[in-house]
Every structure is written in C-alpha cells, then in structure tokens.
Amino acid sequence: MNALENLKNLYHNKLGKLEAITASLQACQNRVQELELTQDTVEKASLFLQSLSDTARIQVIEKISGLVTEVLQAVKDKNLTFKMELGTERGQPDLKFFVVDSLTGKDMDVLESCGGGIADLVSFALRVSLLLKWRPSLERVLICDEQLKFVSVQDQELAGEFIRKLSEQLGLQIIFISHSKTLAEKAHKTFEVVKENGISRIEERTSL
C-alpha cells in the first residue's frame, strides 16, 4: 500500500509540474505572438517615416505620438507619454518607441519592458495613425483581430469607450474580432458567430 501511495503522490507531483510548464509555455507563445504583431507595426511605421522629408517627419512623429499618448492616458495612466526616436544603427534607419512615466522619469521600451496591455494599446494606436496617413478618407477601414487580448478586462472597458469615440471623431470604421464581451458592449454594432449542429451562422446582437 505504501508503494502504491508513493506512486500516486509521485504521479500527481509530476502532473502538477507538467501543467505548470504547459501554462508557462502557453504564456511565452502568447508573448511571442504579441511581440510579432507589435514588431510588424513598428517596421511599417519606420518605413513610412523614412519616406518623408525632415520637416514632414517631425510633424508626423508629433501627431502619431500625440494619438498614442492620448490612448495610453485614457486607458492606462494619465502620467504616461509616448515617444518616438528615428535614428541610425549599423548604417540602417532605426525607429525606437518609448513609454515615459512622468512620475518616475523612467523610459520603458515598448517591445522589451512594457507589459502586454501597453504593447497592445500602442500597436493599435500606431495602426490607426498609419491608416489615417496612408489611406484616403473613403478607405478608412481598420480590421483588428484580437488586438487587445492582453489588455485587462478593466482596461478593456476604458479602451472600448475610447475606440468608439475615436471612430466617431475620425470617421473611421473599426472592425474588432474579439471574444471580449467588454469590448462588444462598447461597439456600435455587434455580430456573433453561432455554431449549431456543425453549421455556423452570424447573428446581430443588441449594442449600446
């Protein structure tokens, strides 16, 4: 009996470690996906800024930084400011993004030291900024696939309100694909994919 109990205890101990490792691996995979999305946005922003003249580049950087700062302050913290620096590294143009905390004076690298929530918000605001600069008004449609999945539920509520107002003010059509009920509650229109008996259909839900 003692041998059997020992085996059971050993089994549960190993199972617990496996579950912890699996959860850690999933968290790492999620972080990689988040960084890949943000990195892609950063590269597009860098290419866009490189194509501008010095004067135009300064003006665009100020406008983009202003919009990203507005998002961060509305959702996360009034003391956060977004900063962009376009320089050269190893003979190649290099664009760096920072979030500055005015209380501590600390600069946080968006890709390396910021949490998932901030990176998601910065990435979203950058995508909006680039769309407004690249596309004429009649083509301003932005599709976001789980864009804010790393943002907390509490912050998603504030983000949803900000995005709704932003859409109205800029005349921008934003289509969010998300599992978040919090974001759905802030949308002008909500559509849900329902699957029954192996058949999927789309149903419109009542929004605010």
N, C-alpha and C. Protein backbone atom coordinates (compact mmCIF):
# COMPACT_ATOMS: atom_id res chain seq x y z
N MET A 1 0.83 -1.21 0.00
CA MET A 1 0.00 0.00 0.00
C MET A 1 0.87 1.26 0.00
N ASN A 2 1.94 1.23 0.80
CA ASN A 2 2.81 2.40 0.86
C ASN A 2 3.43 2.69 -0.51
N ALA A 3 3.82 1.60 -1.19
CA ALA A 3 4.43 1.77 -2.51
C ALA A 3 3.43 2.38 -3.49
N LEU A 4 2.16 1.93 -3.40
CA LEU A 4 1.11 2.46 -4.27
C LEU A 4 0.86 3.94 -3.99
N GLU A 5 0.82 4.30 -2.71
CA GLU A 5 0.60 5.69 -2.33
C GLU A 5 1.75 6.57 -2.81
N ASN A 6 2.96 6.01 -2.69
CA ASN A 6 4.13 6.76 -3.15
C ASN A 6 4.06 7.01 -4.65
N LEU A 7 3.62 6.00 -5.40
CA LEU A 7 3.48 6.15 -6.85
C LEU A 7 2.42 7.19 -7.20
N LYS A 8 1.31 7.16 -6.45
CA LYS A 8 0.25 8.14 -6.69
C LYS A 8 0.75 9.55 -6.43
N ASN A 9 1.46 9.71 -5.31
CA ASN A 9 1.99 11.03 -4.97
C ASN A 9 2.98 11.52 -6.02
N LEU A 10 3.84 10.59 -6.48
CA LEU A 10 4.82 10.93 -7.50
C LEU A 10 4.13 11.34 -8.80
N TYR A 11 3.07 10.59 -9.14
CA TYR A 11 2.31 10.89 -10.36
C TYR A 11 1.69 12.28 -10.30
N HIS A 12 1.04 12.60 -9.18
CA HIS A 12 0.39 13.91 -9.05
C HIS A 12 1.42 15.03 -9.01
N ASN A 13 2.57 14.75 -8.43
CA ASN A 13 3.63 15.75 -8.39
C ASN A 13 4.14 16.05 -9.80
N LYS A 14 4.36 15.00 -10.59
CA LYS A 14 4.81 15.17 -11.96
C LYS A 14 3.75 15.85 -12.81
N LEU A 15 2.48 15.47 -12.57
CA LEU A 15 1.38 16.07 -13.32
C LEU A 15 1.28 17.57 -13.04
N GLY A 16 1.46 17.93 -11.76
CA GLY A 16 1.42 19.35 -11.41
C GLY A 16 2.53 20.14 -12.09
N LYS A 17 3.73 19.56 -12.13
CA LYS A 17 4.85 20.22 -12.79
C LYS A 17 4.60 20.36 -14.30
N LEU A 18 4.01 19.30 -14.89
CA LEU A 18 3.70 19.34 -16.33
C LEU A 18 2.70 20.44 -16.63
N GLU A 19 1.67 20.57 -15.80
CA GLU A 19 0.66 21.60 -16.01
C GLU A 19 1.27 22.99 -15.88
N ALA A 20 2.18 23.15 -14.91
CA ALA A 20 2.84 24.45 -14.72
C ALA A 20 3.72 24.79 -15.93
N ILE A 21 4.44 23.80 -16.44
CA ILE A 21 5.30 24.02 -17.61
C ILE A 21 4.45 24.35 -18.84
N THR A 22 3.32 23.63 -18.99
CA THR A 22 2.43 23.87 -20.12
C THR A 22 1.86 25.29 -20.08
N ALA A 23 1.47 25.73 -18.88
CA ALA A 23 0.93 27.09 -18.73
C ALA A 23 2.00 28.13 -19.04
N SER A 24 3.23 27.86 -18.57
CA SER A 24 4.33 28.77 -18.83
C SER A 24 4.65 28.84 -20.32
N LEU A 25 4.62 27.69 -20.99
CA LEU A 25 4.87 27.64 -22.43
C LEU A 25 3.82 28.42 -23.19
N GLN A 26 2.55 28.28 -22.80
CA GLN A 26 1.47 28.99 -23.47
C GLN A 26 1.62 30.50 -23.29
N ALA A 27 2.03 30.91 -22.08
CA ALA A 27 2.23 32.33 -21.81
C ALA A 27 3.36 32.88 -22.70
N CYS A 28 4.42 32.09 -22.86
CA CYS A 28 5.54 32.50 -23.71
C CYS A 28 5.10 32.61 -25.18
N GLN A 29 4.29 31.65 -25.63
CA GLN A 29 3.80 31.67 -27.00
C GLN A 29 2.92 32.89 -27.25
N ASN A 30 2.08 33.22 -26.26
CA ASN A 30 1.23 34.40 -26.37
C ASN A 30 2.07 35.67 -26.45
N ARG A 31 3.13 35.70 -25.64
CA ARG A 31 4.02 36.87 -25.64
C ARG A 31 4.72 37.02 -26.99
N VAL A 32 5.14 35.91 -27.58
CA VAL A 32 5.79 35.93 -28.88
C VAL A 32 4.83 36.48 -29.94
N GLN A 33 3.57 36.01 -29.92
CA GLN A 33 2.58 36.50 -30.87
C GLN A 33 2.37 38.00 -30.72
N GLU A 34 2.30 38.44 -29.48
CA GLU A 34 2.10 39.86 -29.20
C GLU A 34 3.26 40.69 -29.73
N LEU A 35 4.50 40.23 -29.48
CA LEU A 35 5.68 40.96 -29.92
C LEU A 35 5.79 40.97 -31.44
N GLU A 36 5.42 39.86 -32.08
CA GLU A 36 5.47 39.79 -33.54
C GLU A 36 4.52 40.81 -34.16
N LEU A 37 3.31 40.94 -33.59
CA LEU A 37 2.35 41.92 -34.10
C LEU A 37 2.87 43.33 -33.91
N THR A 38 3.39 43.62 -32.72
CA THR A 38 3.91 44.96 -32.44
C THR A 38 5.12 45.27 -33.30
N GLN A 39 6.00 44.27 -33.47
CA GLN A 39 7.20 44.46 -34.29
C GLN A 39 6.82 44.77 -35.74
N ASP A 40 5.81 44.08 -36.25
CA ASP A 40 5.36 44.33 -37.62
C ASP A 40 4.86 45.76 -37.77
N THR A 41 4.12 46.24 -36.79
CA THR A 41 3.62 47.62 -36.82
C THR A 41 4.77 48.61 -36.75
N VAL A 42 5.76 48.30 -35.90
CA VAL A 42 6.93 49.17 -35.75
C VAL A 42 7.68 49.29 -37.07
N GLU A 43 7.87 48.16 -37.76
CA GLU A 43 8.60 48.17 -39.03
C GLU A 43 7.87 48.99 -40.09
N LYS A 44 6.54 48.87 -40.12
CA LYS A 44 5.76 49.65 -41.09
C LYS A 44 5.84 51.13 -40.78
N ALA A 45 5.80 51.48 -39.50
CA ALA A 45 5.90 52.88 -39.11
C ALA A 45 7.27 53.44 -39.47
N SER A 46 8.31 52.63 -39.27
CA SER A 46 9.67 53.05 -39.59
C SER A 46 9.82 53.33 -41.08
N LEU A 47 9.32 52.41 -41.92
CA LEU A 47 9.40 52.59 -43.37
C LEU A 47 8.64 53.84 -43.81
N PHE A 48 7.50 54.06 -43.20
CA PHE A 48 6.69 55.23 -43.55
C PHE A 48 7.44 56.52 -43.21
N LEU A 49 8.03 56.58 -42.02
CA LEU A 49 8.73 57.80 -41.59
C LEU A 49 9.99 58.05 -42.42
N GLN A 50 10.65 56.98 -42.84
CA GLN A 50 11.86 57.12 -43.65
C GLN A 50 11.55 57.76 -45.01
N SER A 51 10.32 57.58 -45.48
CA SER A 51 9.95 58.09 -46.81
C SER A 51 9.63 59.58 -46.80
N LEU A 52 9.58 60.19 -45.62
CA LEU A 52 9.18 61.59 -45.51
C LEU A 52 10.39 62.52 -45.46
N SER A 53 10.16 63.78 -45.78
CA SER A 53 11.20 64.78 -45.61
C SER A 53 11.39 65.05 -44.12
N ASP A 54 12.48 65.74 -43.76
CA ASP A 54 12.77 66.01 -42.35
C ASP A 54 11.63 66.78 -41.68
N THR A 55 11.14 67.82 -42.36
CA THR A 55 10.07 68.64 -41.79
C THR A 55 8.79 67.84 -41.62
N ALA A 56 8.40 67.11 -42.66
CA ALA A 56 7.18 66.29 -42.60
C ALA A 56 7.32 65.20 -41.54
N ARG A 57 8.52 64.65 -41.42
CA ARG A 57 8.74 63.57 -40.46
C ARG A 57 8.51 64.06 -39.03
N ILE A 58 9.01 65.24 -38.72
CA ILE A 58 8.82 65.81 -37.39
C ILE A 58 7.34 66.02 -37.10
N GLN A 59 6.62 66.56 -38.07
CA GLN A 59 5.18 66.81 -37.89
C GLN A 59 4.42 65.51 -37.68
N VAL A 60 4.74 64.48 -38.48
CA VAL A 60 4.04 63.20 -38.36
C VAL A 60 4.35 62.53 -37.04
N ILE A 61 5.62 62.58 -36.62
CA ILE A 61 6.00 61.98 -35.34
C ILE A 61 5.23 62.62 -34.20
N GLU A 62 5.08 63.94 -34.26
CA GLU A 62 4.34 64.65 -33.20
C GLU A 62 2.87 64.23 -33.18
N LYS A 63 2.28 64.09 -34.37
CA LYS A 63 0.86 63.71 -34.42
C LYS A 63 0.65 62.27 -33.96
N ILE A 64 1.52 61.37 -34.42
CA ILE A 64 1.40 59.96 -34.03
C ILE A 64 1.63 59.81 -32.53
N SER A 65 2.67 60.47 -32.02
CA SER A 65 2.97 60.40 -30.59
C SER A 65 1.81 60.93 -29.77
N GLY A 66 1.17 61.98 -30.27
CA GLY A 66 0.03 62.57 -29.57
C GLY A 66 -1.13 61.61 -29.47
N LEU A 67 -1.43 60.90 -30.58
CA LEU A 67 -2.55 59.96 -30.57
C LEU A 67 -2.26 58.77 -29.65
N VAL A 68 -1.05 58.22 -29.72
CA VAL A 68 -0.71 57.08 -28.86
C VAL A 68 -0.74 57.50 -27.39
N THR A 69 -0.23 58.69 -27.11
CA THR A 69 -0.26 59.20 -25.73
C THR A 69 -1.70 59.34 -25.24
N GLU A 70 -2.56 59.83 -26.12
CA GLU A 70 -3.98 60.00 -25.76
C GLU A 70 -4.62 58.66 -25.40
N VAL A 71 -4.30 57.61 -26.16
CA VAL A 71 -4.83 56.28 -25.86
C VAL A 71 -4.31 55.78 -24.51
N LEU A 72 -3.01 55.90 -24.29
CA LEU A 72 -2.41 55.41 -23.04
C LEU A 72 -2.98 56.14 -21.82
N GLN A 73 -3.14 57.44 -21.94
CA GLN A 73 -3.64 58.22 -20.80
C GLN A 73 -5.12 57.98 -20.55
N ALA A 74 -5.88 57.70 -21.60
CA ALA A 74 -7.31 57.44 -21.44
C ALA A 74 -7.56 56.06 -20.84
N VAL A 75 -6.68 55.10 -21.13
CA VAL A 75 -6.92 53.71 -20.71
C VAL A 75 -6.05 53.28 -19.53
N LYS A 76 -4.77 53.65 -19.55
CA LYS A 76 -3.84 53.13 -18.54
C LYS A 76 -3.53 54.11 -17.41
N ASP A 77 -2.87 55.22 -17.75
CA ASP A 77 -2.35 56.10 -16.70
C ASP A 77 -2.15 57.50 -17.27
N LYS A 78 -2.64 58.51 -16.57
CA LYS A 78 -2.51 59.90 -17.01
C LYS A 78 -1.05 60.36 -17.06
N ASN A 79 -0.16 59.62 -16.39
CA ASN A 79 1.24 60.03 -16.33
C ASN A 79 2.10 59.43 -17.45
N LEU A 80 1.50 58.65 -18.34
CA LEU A 80 2.26 58.01 -19.41
C LEU A 80 2.28 58.87 -20.67
N THR A 81 3.43 58.93 -21.30
CA THR A 81 3.61 59.66 -22.55
C THR A 81 4.36 58.77 -23.54
N PHE A 82 3.96 58.83 -24.80
CA PHE A 82 4.61 58.02 -25.83
C PHE A 82 5.63 58.86 -26.58
N LYS A 83 6.80 58.26 -26.83
CA LYS A 83 7.87 58.99 -27.50
C LYS A 83 8.47 58.12 -28.60
N MET A 84 8.79 58.75 -29.74
CA MET A 84 9.40 58.05 -30.87
C MET A 84 10.75 58.68 -31.21
N GLU A 85 11.72 57.83 -31.53
CA GLU A 85 13.04 58.32 -31.92
C GLU A 85 13.48 57.58 -33.18
N LEU A 86 13.70 58.33 -34.25
CA LEU A 86 14.17 57.75 -35.51
C LEU A 86 15.64 58.08 -35.66
N GLY A 87 16.48 57.05 -35.60
CA GLY A 87 17.92 57.25 -35.70
C GLY A 87 18.54 56.27 -36.68
N THR A 88 19.83 56.00 -36.48
CA THR A 88 20.56 55.09 -37.36
C THR A 88 21.34 54.10 -36.51
N GLU A 89 21.27 52.83 -36.88
CA GLU A 89 22.03 51.80 -36.19
C GLU A 89 22.65 50.86 -37.23
N ARG A 90 23.98 50.74 -37.16
CA ARG A 90 24.72 49.92 -38.12
C ARG A 90 24.45 50.35 -39.57
N GLY A 91 24.34 51.67 -39.75
CA GLY A 91 24.14 52.21 -41.08
C GLY A 91 22.73 52.10 -41.61
N GLN A 92 21.80 51.59 -40.77
CA GLN A 92 20.41 51.43 -41.19
C GLN A 92 19.49 52.28 -40.32
N PRO A 93 18.41 52.85 -40.93
CA PRO A 93 17.44 53.62 -40.14
C PRO A 93 16.86 52.74 -39.03
N ASP A 94 16.73 53.31 -37.85
CA ASP A 94 16.22 52.54 -36.70
C ASP A 94 15.21 53.38 -35.94
N LEU A 95 14.01 52.84 -35.77
CA LEU A 95 12.94 53.54 -35.06
C LEU A 95 12.71 52.89 -33.71
N LYS A 96 12.81 53.69 -32.66
CA LYS A 96 12.60 53.17 -31.31
C LYS A 96 11.39 53.87 -30.67
N PHE A 97 10.62 53.07 -29.92
CA PHE A 97 9.44 53.59 -29.24
C PHE A 97 9.66 53.48 -27.74
N PHE A 98 9.23 54.51 -27.02
CA PHE A 98 9.34 54.50 -25.56
C PHE A 98 8.04 54.99 -24.94
N VAL A 99 7.73 54.43 -23.78
CA VAL A 99 6.64 54.95 -22.96
C VAL A 99 7.30 55.56 -21.73
N VAL A 100 7.05 56.84 -21.50
CA VAL A 100 7.70 57.56 -20.41
C VAL A 100 6.71 57.78 -19.28
N ASP A 101 7.12 57.43 -18.07
CA ASP A 101 6.32 57.67 -16.87
C ASP A 101 6.80 58.97 -16.25
N SER A 102 5.95 60.00 -16.27
CA SER A 102 6.36 61.31 -15.78
C SER A 102 6.60 61.33 -14.28
N LEU A 103 6.00 60.39 -13.55
CA LEU A 103 6.19 60.34 -12.10
C LEU A 103 7.58 59.83 -11.73
N THR A 104 8.03 58.79 -12.43
CA THR A 104 9.33 58.18 -12.12
C THR A 104 10.43 58.67 -13.06
N GLY A 105 10.03 59.24 -14.21
CA GLY A 105 11.01 59.66 -15.19
C GLY A 105 11.61 58.49 -15.95
N LYS A 106 11.04 57.32 -15.78
CA LYS A 106 11.57 56.11 -16.39
C LYS A 106 11.07 55.93 -17.82
N ASP A 107 12.01 55.59 -18.73
CA ASP A 107 11.66 55.26 -20.11
C ASP A 107 11.51 53.75 -20.23
N MET A 108 10.39 53.28 -20.80
CA MET A 108 10.16 51.85 -20.97
C MET A 108 10.11 51.52 -22.45
N ASP A 109 10.91 50.59 -22.89
CA ASP A 109 10.90 50.15 -24.28
C ASP A 109 9.63 49.34 -24.52
N VAL A 110 8.87 49.70 -25.54
CA VAL A 110 7.58 49.05 -25.79
C VAL A 110 7.75 47.56 -26.06
N LEU A 111 8.79 47.19 -26.81
CA LEU A 111 8.98 45.80 -27.19
C LEU A 111 9.66 44.96 -26.11
N GLU A 112 10.41 45.59 -25.22
CA GLU A 112 11.21 44.81 -24.28
C GLU A 112 10.75 44.89 -22.83
N SER A 113 10.27 46.04 -22.39
CA SER A 113 9.99 46.18 -20.96
C SER A 113 8.54 46.50 -20.62
N CYS A 114 7.71 46.75 -21.62
CA CYS A 114 6.31 47.05 -21.33
C CYS A 114 5.47 45.77 -21.26
N GLY A 115 4.45 45.80 -20.43
CA GLY A 115 3.55 44.66 -20.35
C GLY A 115 2.68 44.54 -21.58
N GLY A 116 2.02 43.39 -21.70
CA GLY A 116 1.20 43.12 -22.87
C GLY A 116 0.11 44.14 -23.12
N GLY A 117 -0.50 44.64 -22.05
CA GLY A 117 -1.57 45.61 -22.20
C GLY A 117 -1.12 46.88 -22.89
N ILE A 118 0.03 47.41 -22.46
CA ILE A 118 0.55 48.64 -23.05
C ILE A 118 0.98 48.40 -24.49
N ALA A 119 1.65 47.28 -24.75
CA ALA A 119 2.09 46.97 -26.11
C ALA A 119 0.90 46.87 -27.06
N ASP A 120 -0.18 46.25 -26.60
CA ASP A 120 -1.39 46.13 -27.41
C ASP A 120 -1.97 47.50 -27.74
N LEU A 121 -2.04 48.37 -26.74
CA LEU A 121 -2.61 49.70 -26.94
C LEU A 121 -1.75 50.53 -27.88
N VAL A 122 -0.42 50.46 -27.71
CA VAL A 122 0.49 51.19 -28.58
C VAL A 122 0.36 50.70 -30.02
N SER A 123 0.31 49.38 -30.19
CA SER A 123 0.19 48.79 -31.52
C SER A 123 -1.10 49.24 -32.20
N PHE A 124 -2.20 49.24 -31.45
CA PHE A 124 -3.49 49.67 -32.01
C PHE A 124 -3.44 51.13 -32.44
N ALA A 125 -2.92 52.00 -31.58
CA ALA A 125 -2.87 53.43 -31.89
C ALA A 125 -1.97 53.70 -33.09
N LEU A 126 -0.87 52.96 -33.21
CA LEU A 126 0.02 53.12 -34.36
C LEU A 126 -0.68 52.71 -35.65
N ARG A 127 -1.44 51.63 -35.60
CA ARG A 127 -2.16 51.17 -36.79
C ARG A 127 -3.18 52.21 -37.23
N VAL A 128 -3.86 52.82 -36.28
CA VAL A 128 -4.82 53.87 -36.61
C VAL A 128 -4.09 55.05 -37.27
N SER A 129 -2.96 55.45 -36.68
CA SER A 129 -2.20 56.58 -37.20
C SER A 129 -1.73 56.34 -38.62
N LEU A 130 -1.19 55.15 -38.87
CA LEU A 130 -0.69 54.83 -40.20
C LEU A 130 -1.82 54.77 -41.22
N LEU A 131 -2.97 54.24 -40.80
CA LEU A 131 -4.11 54.18 -41.71
C LEU A 131 -4.56 55.57 -42.11
N LEU A 132 -4.61 56.48 -41.15
CA LEU A 132 -5.05 57.84 -41.43
C LEU A 132 -4.09 58.56 -42.38
N LYS A 133 -2.81 58.20 -42.31
CA LYS A 133 -1.81 58.85 -43.17
C LYS A 133 -1.72 58.21 -44.55
N TRP A 134 -1.96 56.91 -44.62
CA TRP A 134 -1.77 56.19 -45.88
C TRP A 134 -3.03 56.13 -46.75
N ARG A 135 -4.19 56.12 -46.12
CA ARG A 135 -5.41 55.87 -46.87
C ARG A 135 -6.29 57.12 -46.96
N PRO A 136 -6.94 57.34 -48.10
CA PRO A 136 -7.89 58.45 -48.20
C PRO A 136 -9.11 58.18 -47.32
N SER A 137 -9.89 59.21 -47.07
CA SER A 137 -10.99 59.11 -46.12
C SER A 137 -12.00 58.03 -46.46
N LEU A 138 -12.23 57.76 -47.76
CA LEU A 138 -13.24 56.78 -48.13
C LEU A 138 -12.79 55.34 -47.90
N GLU A 139 -11.52 55.13 -47.62
CA GLU A 139 -11.00 53.79 -47.42
C GLU A 139 -10.53 53.55 -45.99
N ARG A 140 -11.01 54.35 -45.07
CA ARG A 140 -10.55 54.23 -43.69
C ARG A 140 -11.30 53.12 -42.96
N VAL A 141 -10.86 51.90 -43.21
CA VAL A 141 -11.42 50.73 -42.53
C VAL A 141 -10.27 49.97 -41.89
N LEU A 142 -10.35 49.75 -40.59
CA LEU A 142 -9.31 49.05 -39.86
C LEU A 142 -9.90 47.77 -39.26
N ILE A 143 -9.30 46.62 -39.60
CA ILE A 143 -9.75 45.34 -39.07
C ILE A 143 -8.74 44.87 -38.03
N CYS A 144 -9.21 44.62 -36.81
CA CYS A 144 -8.35 44.21 -35.70
C CYS A 144 -8.77 42.83 -35.21
N ASP A 145 -7.84 41.88 -35.29
CA ASP A 145 -8.11 40.50 -34.86
C ASP A 145 -7.52 40.27 -33.48
N GLU A 146 -8.36 40.25 -32.45
CA GLU A 146 -7.93 40.06 -31.06
C GLU A 146 -6.84 41.06 -30.69
N GLN A 147 -6.99 42.30 -31.13
CA GLN A 147 -5.98 43.33 -30.94
C GLN A 147 -5.67 43.62 -29.47
N LEU A 148 -6.67 43.55 -28.61
CA LEU A 148 -6.48 43.92 -27.20
C LEU A 148 -6.61 42.72 -26.26
N LYS A 149 -6.23 41.53 -26.72
CA LYS A 149 -6.45 40.33 -25.92
C LYS A 149 -5.57 40.28 -24.67
N PHE A 150 -4.47 41.06 -24.64
CA PHE A 150 -3.62 41.08 -23.46
C PHE A 150 -3.95 42.23 -22.51
N VAL A 151 -4.96 43.01 -22.86
CA VAL A 151 -5.39 44.12 -22.02
C VAL A 151 -6.38 43.59 -20.98
N SER A 152 -6.26 44.05 -19.75
CA SER A 152 -7.13 43.56 -18.68
C SER A 152 -8.58 43.94 -18.97
N VAL A 153 -9.51 43.21 -18.35
CA VAL A 153 -10.94 43.47 -18.55
C VAL A 153 -11.29 44.89 -18.14
N GLN A 154 -10.72 45.35 -17.03
CA GLN A 154 -11.00 46.71 -16.56
C GLN A 154 -10.53 47.75 -17.58
N ASP A 155 -9.34 47.55 -18.13
CA ASP A 155 -8.81 48.48 -19.12
C ASP A 155 -9.54 48.35 -20.45
N GLN A 156 -10.06 47.16 -20.76
CA GLN A 156 -10.81 46.97 -21.99
C GLN A 156 -12.06 47.84 -22.01
N GLU A 157 -12.66 48.03 -20.86
CA GLU A 157 -13.86 48.88 -20.80
C GLU A 157 -13.52 50.31 -21.19
N LEU A 158 -12.42 50.84 -20.63
CA LEU A 158 -11.98 52.19 -20.98
C LEU A 158 -11.53 52.26 -22.44
N ALA A 159 -10.84 51.20 -22.89
CA ALA A 159 -10.36 51.15 -24.27
C ALA A 159 -11.54 51.14 -25.24
N GLY A 160 -12.58 50.37 -24.91
CA GLY A 160 -13.76 50.30 -25.76
C GLY A 160 -14.44 51.65 -25.91
N GLU A 161 -14.54 52.38 -24.81
CA GLU A 161 -15.15 53.71 -24.85
C GLU A 161 -14.31 54.66 -25.70
N PHE A 162 -12.99 54.58 -25.54
CA PHE A 162 -12.09 55.46 -26.30
C PHE A 162 -12.16 55.16 -27.79
N ILE A 163 -12.16 53.87 -28.13
CA ILE A 163 -12.18 53.46 -29.54
C ILE A 163 -13.48 53.89 -30.20
N ARG A 164 -14.58 53.77 -29.48
CA ARG A 164 -15.88 54.20 -30.02
C ARG A 164 -15.86 55.70 -30.33
N LYS A 165 -15.35 56.50 -29.40
CA LYS A 165 -15.27 57.94 -29.61
C LYS A 165 -14.31 58.28 -30.74
N LEU A 166 -13.18 57.55 -30.79
CA LEU A 166 -12.20 57.78 -31.84
C LEU A 166 -12.80 57.51 -33.21
N SER A 167 -13.55 56.43 -33.31
CA SER A 167 -14.21 56.07 -34.57
C SER A 167 -15.17 57.17 -35.03
N GLU A 168 -15.91 57.71 -34.07
CA GLU A 168 -16.89 58.75 -34.39
C GLU A 168 -16.19 60.05 -34.80
N GLN A 169 -15.13 60.43 -34.08
CA GLN A 169 -14.45 61.69 -34.34
C GLN A 169 -13.68 61.67 -35.67
N LEU A 170 -13.08 60.53 -36.01
CA LEU A 170 -12.25 60.45 -37.21
C LEU A 170 -13.00 59.93 -38.43
N GLY A 171 -14.24 59.51 -38.26
CA GLY A 171 -14.97 58.90 -39.37
C GLY A 171 -14.30 57.62 -39.81
N LEU A 172 -13.81 56.85 -38.84
CA LEU A 172 -13.03 55.64 -39.11
C LEU A 172 -13.86 54.40 -38.76
N GLN A 173 -13.96 53.47 -39.72
CA GLN A 173 -14.69 52.21 -39.48
C GLN A 173 -13.71 51.20 -38.88
N ILE A 174 -13.95 50.82 -37.65
CA ILE A 174 -13.08 49.86 -36.96
C ILE A 174 -13.86 48.57 -36.73
N ILE A 175 -13.36 47.49 -37.28
CA ILE A 175 -13.99 46.18 -37.12
C ILE A 175 -13.13 45.36 -36.17
N PHE A 176 -13.68 45.04 -35.01
CA PHE A 176 -12.94 44.28 -34.00
C PHE A 176 -13.42 42.83 -33.99
N ILE A 177 -12.49 41.91 -34.16
CA ILE A 177 -12.78 40.48 -33.99
C ILE A 177 -12.28 40.11 -32.61
N SER A 178 -13.18 39.75 -31.71
CA SER A 178 -12.77 39.55 -30.33
C SER A 178 -13.72 38.62 -29.60
N HIS A 179 -13.19 37.95 -28.56
CA HIS A 179 -14.01 37.14 -27.67
C HIS A 179 -14.45 37.96 -26.45
N SER A 180 -14.02 39.21 -26.39
CA SER A 180 -14.28 40.04 -25.21
C SER A 180 -15.70 40.61 -25.22
N LYS A 181 -16.48 40.24 -24.23
CA LYS A 181 -17.82 40.79 -24.08
C LYS A 181 -17.75 42.26 -23.68
N THR A 182 -16.68 42.62 -22.97
CA THR A 182 -16.50 44.01 -22.53
C THR A 182 -16.36 44.94 -23.74
N LEU A 183 -15.55 44.54 -24.70
CA LEU A 183 -15.39 45.35 -25.92
C LEU A 183 -16.67 45.36 -26.75
N ALA A 184 -17.34 44.20 -26.79
CA ALA A 184 -18.57 44.09 -27.59
C ALA A 184 -19.64 45.05 -27.08
N GLU A 185 -19.67 45.27 -25.77
CA GLU A 185 -20.68 46.15 -25.17
C GLU A 185 -20.48 47.61 -25.58
N LYS A 186 -19.28 47.96 -26.02
CA LYS A 186 -18.99 49.34 -26.40
C LYS A 186 -19.14 49.60 -27.89
N ALA A 187 -19.40 48.55 -28.66
CA ALA A 187 -19.46 48.68 -30.11
C ALA A 187 -20.77 49.31 -30.58
N HIS A 188 -20.74 49.96 -31.75
CA HIS A 188 -21.97 50.48 -32.36
C HIS A 188 -22.85 49.32 -32.81
N LYS A 189 -22.21 48.30 -33.40
CA LYS A 189 -22.93 47.10 -33.83
C LYS A 189 -22.11 45.87 -33.43
N THR A 190 -22.80 44.81 -33.03
CA THR A 190 -22.12 43.58 -32.63
C THR A 190 -22.71 42.40 -33.37
N PHE A 191 -21.84 41.57 -33.94
CA PHE A 191 -22.26 40.36 -34.64
C PHE A 191 -21.55 39.17 -34.00
N GLU A 192 -22.29 38.11 -33.76
CA GLU A 192 -21.74 36.93 -33.11
C GLU A 192 -21.84 35.72 -34.05
N VAL A 193 -20.75 34.96 -34.11
CA VAL A 193 -20.76 33.73 -34.90
C VAL A 193 -21.27 32.60 -34.00
N VAL A 194 -22.39 32.03 -34.38
CA VAL A 194 -23.01 30.95 -33.59
C VAL A 194 -22.94 29.65 -34.39
N LYS A 195 -22.52 28.58 -33.71
CA LYS A 195 -22.40 27.28 -34.39
C LYS A 195 -23.37 26.28 -33.76
N GLU A 196 -24.24 25.73 -34.58
CA GLU A 196 -25.21 24.72 -34.13
C GLU A 196 -25.26 23.58 -35.13
N ASN A 197 -25.14 22.36 -34.60
CA ASN A 197 -25.18 21.17 -35.45
C ASN A 197 -24.15 21.23 -36.59
N GLY A 198 -22.99 21.79 -36.26
CA GLY A 198 -21.91 21.85 -37.24
C GLY A 198 -22.05 22.96 -38.27
N ILE A 199 -23.08 23.79 -38.13
CA ILE A 199 -23.32 24.87 -39.09
C ILE A 199 -23.14 26.22 -38.39
N SER A 200 -22.34 27.10 -38.98
CA SER A 200 -22.10 28.42 -38.40
C SER A 200 -22.98 29.46 -39.08
N ARG A 201 -23.46 30.38 -38.27
CA ARG A 201 -24.23 31.50 -38.82
C ARG A 201 -23.91 32.76 -38.01
N ILE A 202 -24.17 33.91 -38.61
CA ILE A 202 -23.87 35.18 -37.96
C ILE A 202 -25.16 35.84 -37.51
N GLU A 203 -25.19 36.25 -36.25
CA GLU A 203 -26.36 36.90 -35.68
C GLU A 203 -25.97 38.28 -35.14
N GLU A 204 -26.80 39.27 -35.41
CA GLU A 204 -26.56 40.60 -34.87
C GLU A 204 -27.08 40.68 -33.44
N ARG A 205 -26.28 41.24 -32.56
CA ARG A 205 -26.65 41.42 -31.18
C ARG A 205 -26.96 42.88 -30.90
N THR A 206 -27.74 43.13 -29.88
CA THR A 206 -28.08 44.50 -29.49
C THR A 206 -26.89 45.16 -28.85
N SER A 207 -26.52 46.37 -29.31
CA SER A 207 -25.39 47.12 -28.74
C SER A 207 -25.92 48.35 -28.04
N LEU A 208 -25.01 49.05 -27.34
CA LEU A 208 -25.39 50.25 -26.62
C LEU A 208 -25.78 51.37 -27.59
